[in-house]
Protein backbone atom coordinates (compact mmCIF):
# COMPACT_ATOMS: atom_id res chain seq x y z
CA MET A 1 0.00 0.00 0.00
CA THR A 2 1.31 3.37 -0.96
CA SER A 3 1.68 5.82 1.91
CA THR A 4 -0.03 9.21 1.48
CA GLU A 5 1.73 10.84 4.41
CA GLY A 6 3.18 14.18 3.38
CA HIS A 7 1.11 14.19 0.16
CA ARG A 8 -2.13 16.03 -0.53
CA SER A 9 -5.04 13.92 -1.62
CA GLU A 10 -6.78 14.84 -4.86
CA ALA A 11 -9.97 15.31 -2.85
CA ASP A 12 -8.34 17.82 -0.54
CA PRO A 13 -9.08 21.52 -1.37
CA PRO A 14 -6.18 23.53 -2.80
CA PRO A 15 -4.32 25.65 -0.28
CA ALA A 16 -5.55 29.26 0.01
CA SER A 17 -3.21 32.00 -1.22
CA SER A 18 -1.39 33.76 1.57
CA PRO A 19 -2.00 37.50 2.13
CA PRO A 20 0.97 39.85 1.66
CA PRO A 21 3.13 40.10 4.76
CA THR A 22 2.51 43.05 7.04
CA PRO A 23 5.36 45.25 8.32
CA PHE A 24 5.28 43.30 11.58
CA GLU A 25 5.72 39.95 9.77
CA MET A 26 8.63 41.37 7.79
CA ALA A 27 10.75 41.53 10.92
CA GLY A 28 12.07 38.00 10.30
CA LEU A 29 13.35 38.73 6.80
CA PRO A 30 17.03 39.38 6.09
CA GLY A 31 18.13 43.00 6.57
CA LEU A 32 18.28 44.21 2.96
CA VAL A 33 15.16 42.33 1.91
CA ARG A 34 13.26 43.60 4.96
CA LEU A 35 14.31 47.20 4.22
CA THR A 36 13.16 46.94 0.59
CA ALA A 37 9.85 45.27 1.45
CA THR A 38 9.06 47.69 4.28
CA THR A 39 9.80 50.75 2.18
CA GLY A 40 7.58 49.45 -0.62
CA TRP A 41 4.73 48.79 1.81
CA ARG A 42 4.94 52.32 3.23
CA ALA A 43 5.14 53.87 -0.21
CA LEU A 44 1.98 52.03 -1.34
CA LEU A 45 -0.08 53.10 1.67
CA TRP A 46 1.27 56.66 1.69
CA SER A 47 0.76 57.27 -2.03
CA THR A 48 -2.90 56.21 -1.82
CA SER A 49 -3.76 58.41 1.15
CA THR A 50 -1.73 61.37 -0.17
CA ALA A 51 -3.42 61.29 -3.56
CA LEU A 52 -6.87 61.49 -1.98
CA HIS A 53 -5.81 64.23 0.46
CA THR A 54 -4.04 66.32 -2.19
CA GLY A 55 -7.04 66.37 -4.52
CA THR A 56 -9.39 67.34 -1.71
CA GLU A 57 -7.06 70.07 -0.42
CA MET A 58 -6.57 71.64 -3.86
CA PHE A 59 -10.34 71.76 -4.40
CA THR A 60 -11.03 73.22 -0.94
CA ARG A 61 -8.30 75.89 -1.11
CA THR A 62 -9.36 76.89 -4.63
CA LEU A 63 -12.87 77.54 -3.31
CA ASP A 64 -11.31 79.56 -0.48
CA GLY A 65 -9.66 81.84 -3.06
CA ASP A 66 -6.03 80.79 -2.57
CA PRO A 67 -3.83 81.51 -5.62
CA PRO A 68 -3.11 78.28 -7.59
CA VAL A 69 0.64 79.02 -7.50
CA VAL A 70 0.62 79.18 -3.70
CA ILE A 71 -1.49 76.00 -3.42
CA LEU A 72 0.91 74.00 -5.60
CA GLN A 73 3.98 75.31 -3.74
CA ASP A 74 2.48 74.36 -0.35
CA ILE A 75 1.45 70.89 -1.48
CA ALA A 76 4.86 70.24 -3.10
CA ALA A 77 6.63 71.19 0.13
CA GLU A 78 4.32 68.98 2.21
CA ILE A 79 4.78 65.96 -0.05
CA ARG A 80 8.56 66.45 -0.02
CA ASP A 81 8.58 66.45 3.80
CA VAL A 82 6.50 63.29 4.00
CA VAL A 83 8.69 61.49 1.44
CA VAL A 84 11.80 62.29 3.49
CA THR A 85 10.08 61.05 6.64
CA THR A 86 8.91 57.84 4.99
CA LEU A 87 12.31 56.97 3.53
CA SER A 88 14.11 57.79 6.77
CA GLY A 89 12.66 54.71 8.45
CA TRP A 90 9.82 56.18 10.50
CA ASP A 91 7.73 53.31 11.86
CA GLY A 92 4.48 55.16 12.42
CA PRO A 93 1.48 54.73 10.14
CA PRO A 94 1.71 56.75 6.93
CA GLY A 95 -0.79 59.52 6.54
CA PRO A 96 -1.56 62.58 4.43
CA PRO A 97 0.56 65.70 4.84
CA HIS A 98 -0.76 68.60 6.89
CA ARG A 99 -0.54 72.28 6.03
CA ASN A 100 0.53 73.20 9.55
CA ALA A 101 0.79 71.81 13.02
CA ALA A 102 -2.03 74.01 14.29
CA ALA A 103 -4.54 71.96 12.30
CA SER A 104 -4.03 69.00 14.65
CA GLU A 105 -4.48 71.05 17.81
CA PRO A 106 -7.83 70.74 19.61
CA SER A 107 -10.23 73.55 18.79
CA ALA A 108 -11.91 75.71 21.38
CA THR A 109 -15.05 74.36 22.99
CA PRO A 110 -18.40 76.13 22.50
CA ASP A 111 -18.24 77.44 26.08
CA GLU A 112 -14.76 78.90 25.46
CA LEU A 113 -15.88 80.55 22.24
CA ARG A 114 -18.91 82.10 23.95
CA ALA A 115 -16.66 83.37 26.75
CA LEU A 116 -14.36 85.05 24.24
CA GLY A 117 -17.32 86.62 22.45
CA ALA A 118 -18.75 87.88 25.73
CA ALA A 119 -15.39 89.45 26.61
CA LEU A 120 -15.32 91.30 23.28
CA LEU A 121 -18.85 92.64 23.79
CA GLU A 122 -18.00 93.72 27.33
CA GLN A 123 -14.91 95.54 26.07
CA SER A 124 -16.93 97.30 23.38
CA ALA A 125 -19.33 98.59 26.03
CA ASP A 126 -16.54 100.02 28.18
CA VAL A 127 -17.05 103.80 28.08
CA SER A 128 -13.74 104.37 29.84
CA ALA A 129 -11.73 103.06 26.88
CA THR A 130 -9.27 105.65 25.57
CA GLY A 131 -9.78 104.75 21.90
CA ASP A 132 -6.05 104.52 21.16
CA ASP A 133 -6.35 101.27 19.17
CA VAL A 134 -3.52 100.88 16.65
CA GLY A 135 -5.69 99.05 14.13
CA HIS A 136 -7.51 95.84 13.39
CA PRO A 137 -6.03 92.81 15.21
CA ALA A 138 -5.59 91.06 11.84
CA TYR A 139 -3.17 93.72 10.54
CA ALA A 140 -0.05 92.12 12.06
CA ARG A 141 -0.87 88.76 10.49
CA MET A 142 -1.69 90.34 7.14
CA LEU A 143 1.64 92.17 7.06
CA SER A 144 3.37 88.78 7.32
CA GLU A 145 1.32 87.46 4.37
CA ILE A 146 2.13 90.14 1.79
CA THR A 147 5.35 90.60 -0.14
CA PRO A 148 7.37 93.83 -0.48
CA ASP A 149 6.09 94.17 -4.04
CA GLU A 150 2.51 93.86 -2.82
CA ALA A 151 3.16 96.62 -0.29
CA ARG A 152 4.27 98.82 -3.18
CA ILE A 153 1.02 98.06 -5.02
CA LEU A 154 -1.01 99.10 -1.98
CA ARG A 155 0.96 102.32 -1.64
CA LEU A 156 0.42 103.15 -5.32
CA LEU A 157 -3.34 102.61 -5.04
CA ARG A 158 -3.46 104.74 -1.92
CA GLU A 159 -1.46 107.63 -3.31
CA ASP A 160 -2.62 107.61 -6.95
CA GLY A 161 -6.12 106.22 -6.55
CA PRO A 162 -7.84 103.57 -8.71
CA GLN A 163 -5.74 102.20 -11.55
CA PRO A 164 -7.10 101.48 -15.05
CA ALA A 165 -7.41 97.89 -16.25
CA LEU A 166 -9.02 96.35 -19.28
CA ASP A 167 -10.26 93.05 -20.68
CA VAL A 168 -9.93 91.96 -24.31
CA ARG A 169 -12.81 89.84 -25.57
CA THR A 170 -14.01 88.49 -28.88
CA ASN A 171 -16.81 90.54 -30.38
CA ARG A 172 -20.16 88.81 -30.92
CA PRO A 173 -23.59 90.24 -31.75
CA LEU A 174 -25.28 91.43 -28.54
CA GLY A 175 -22.30 90.02 -26.62
CA ILE A 176 -23.72 86.49 -26.83
CA GLY A 177 -20.89 83.96 -27.05
CA SER A 178 -18.18 86.55 -26.45
CA GLU A 179 -15.02 84.93 -25.05
CA LEU A 180 -12.36 86.43 -22.80
CA VAL A 181 -8.97 86.56 -24.53
CA ALA A 182 -7.00 88.45 -21.83
CA GLY A 183 -8.31 89.90 -18.58
CA GLY A 184 -7.14 92.45 -16.04
CA LEU A 185 -4.44 94.00 -18.24
CA ASN A 186 -2.91 96.98 -16.44
CA MET A 187 0.25 99.04 -15.84
CA ILE A 188 0.37 98.70 -12.05
CA ALA A 189 3.65 96.74 -12.05
CA GLU A 190 5.42 99.46 -14.02
CA HIS A 191 3.95 102.38 -12.08
CA ALA A 192 4.61 100.80 -8.68
CA GLY A 193 8.21 99.88 -9.58
CA LEU A 194 7.90 96.19 -8.74
CA ARG A 195 11.00 94.01 -8.61
CA ARG A 196 9.10 91.04 -10.09
CA MET A 197 6.78 92.50 -12.70
CA ASP A 198 5.95 89.03 -14.02
CA ARG A 199 4.16 88.23 -10.74
CA ILE A 200 1.64 91.07 -10.92
CA HIS A 201 -1.38 88.76 -11.32
CA PRO A 202 -0.54 86.51 -8.30
CA TYR A 203 0.14 89.68 -6.29
CA LEU A 204 -3.25 91.17 -7.16
CA THR A 205 -4.99 87.87 -6.49
CA ASN A 206 -3.48 87.65 -3.01
CA LEU A 207 -4.38 91.25 -2.14
CA ASN A 208 -7.93 90.68 -3.35
CA ARG A 209 -8.15 87.45 -1.33
CA GLN A 210 -7.29 89.40 1.82
CA GLY A 211 -9.96 91.99 1.09
CA LEU A 212 -7.49 94.84 0.51
CA ILE A 213 -8.25 95.56 -3.16
CA ALA A 214 -11.24 95.13 -5.45
CA PHE A 215 -11.54 94.44 -9.19
CA SER A 216 -14.18 97.03 -10.06
CA LYS A 217 -16.36 97.28 -13.16
CA GLU A 218 -16.17 101.08 -12.87
CA LYS A 219 -13.89 103.08 -15.16
CA VAL A 220 -11.31 105.59 -13.96
CA ASP A 221 -12.18 109.26 -14.38
CA ASP A 222 -9.62 109.98 -17.11
CA PRO A 223 -10.26 107.80 -20.20
CA ASP A 224 -6.88 108.77 -21.66
CA ARG A 225 -5.18 106.57 -19.05
CA TYR A 226 -6.42 103.48 -20.91
CA GLN A 227 -4.56 104.49 -24.07
CA LEU A 228 -1.19 103.78 -22.45
CA ILE A 229 -2.33 100.24 -21.62
CA GLU A 230 -3.68 99.67 -25.13
CA ALA A 231 -0.26 100.56 -26.56
CA GLN A 232 1.50 97.75 -24.67
CA PRO A 233 2.68 94.72 -26.73
CA ARG A 234 0.75 92.21 -24.61
CA VAL A 235 -2.46 94.12 -25.32
CA THR A 236 -1.86 94.42 -29.05
CA ASP A 237 -1.17 90.67 -29.16
CA ALA A 238 -4.45 89.99 -27.35
CA LEU A 239 -6.32 92.28 -29.74
CA ALA A 240 -4.88 90.39 -32.72
CA GLN A 241 -5.85 87.07 -31.13
CA ALA A 242 -9.42 88.28 -30.56
CA GLY A 243 -9.97 88.51 -34.32
CA HIS A 244 -12.00 91.00 -36.31
CA ILE A 245 -13.18 94.07 -34.36
CA PRO A 246 -12.22 92.90 -30.85
CA LYS A 247 -14.12 94.18 -27.84
CA ILE A 248 -12.35 96.07 -25.04
CA VAL A 249 -13.97 96.29 -21.61
CA TYR A 250 -12.65 99.10 -19.40
CA ARG A 251 -12.39 98.43 -15.67
CA SER A 252 -10.36 99.55 -12.65
CA ILE A 253 -8.46 98.16 -9.66
CA GLN A 254 -8.84 100.03 -6.38
CA LEU A 255 -8.48 99.80 -2.61
CA THR A 256 -11.41 98.64 -0.55
CA THR A 257 -12.46 100.56 2.55
CA PHE A 258 -10.68 97.93 4.62
CA GLY A 259 -7.63 98.30 2.38
CA ARG A 260 -7.53 102.06 2.91
CA ASP A 261 -7.70 101.60 6.67
CA PHE A 262 -4.92 99.00 6.47
CA CYS A 263 -2.68 101.32 4.44
CA ARG A 264 -3.37 104.26 6.76
CA ALA A 265 -2.43 102.19 9.82
CA CYS A 266 0.50 100.18 8.45
CA LEU A 267 2.15 101.70 5.38
CA PRO A 268 4.13 104.98 5.22
CA THR A 269 3.66 107.21 2.20
CA ASN A 270 6.05 108.71 -0.35
CA GLY A 271 4.92 112.23 0.40
CA ALA A 272 2.54 112.24 -2.57
CA GLY A 273 -1.09 113.20 -2.23
CA SER A 274 -3.00 110.42 -0.50
CA HIS A 275 -6.47 109.56 -1.79
CA ASP A 276 -7.84 108.64 1.65
CA GLY A 277 -7.85 112.19 2.99
CA ASP A 278 -5.17 111.55 5.62
CA GLN A 279 -1.78 113.27 5.25
CA SER A 280 -0.39 112.58 8.71
CA GLU A 281 1.44 109.30 8.12
CA THR A 282 5.17 108.80 8.36
CA GLN A 283 6.82 109.35 5.00
CA LEU A 284 9.35 107.09 3.32
CA PRO A 285 12.90 108.37 2.84
């Protein structure tokens, strides 16, 4: 009789496939093999969670009005940090990158928020207050979130008033089907003396996001100021691209009321006439 010990019978079910080893089961593997397998496991888990987080964050921050350039720079820096951490041998579970450490801190409770609100209302009712406030409490933070070039833009708008801007569109009967060829064309970078004139659109987007400037549909008082913009090569190129009889829409870029208050409190002037009616600020050398 033939012995069947150590052999599988034809009636026996086939062995089930084994699941991939977890990082804990990899501990018994040789050093180099364990390092390679562990790194691959972390990369797989991290790449999946990061892809989902990155897409969600880009969508959310776009809705919040963050400039696309800033969003991509932040996400690239976060991903780079997590890659370095993953490859350095960190044994914790991989997870999506975070924009800052404050996001993981516990938020204030409803009772704490109500207490803060009550304190503000009590302070506003204090008739003994001297009224020597230096400005809105957000001003210090906002100063840290604008560039030197953006400060020059604010000063120009304060001293010279609203600046002309124009859109170039294709011309269609009754405006139906008209397409934007180039929008927000202006001479602010040249007039403000910016160091990086090529960044004028991200600068304006950031200032608008903070509520300091507005893209108005109103024209400036002097229509001749638009002629200088129309003579610029980038405008003539847009006009040629718009085809036969292009349409030009005249607009302006100006400070908001909040922006004027911010400039009055935080930015010195050049000695030129200020358009906010206040001439008492410290002047630049």
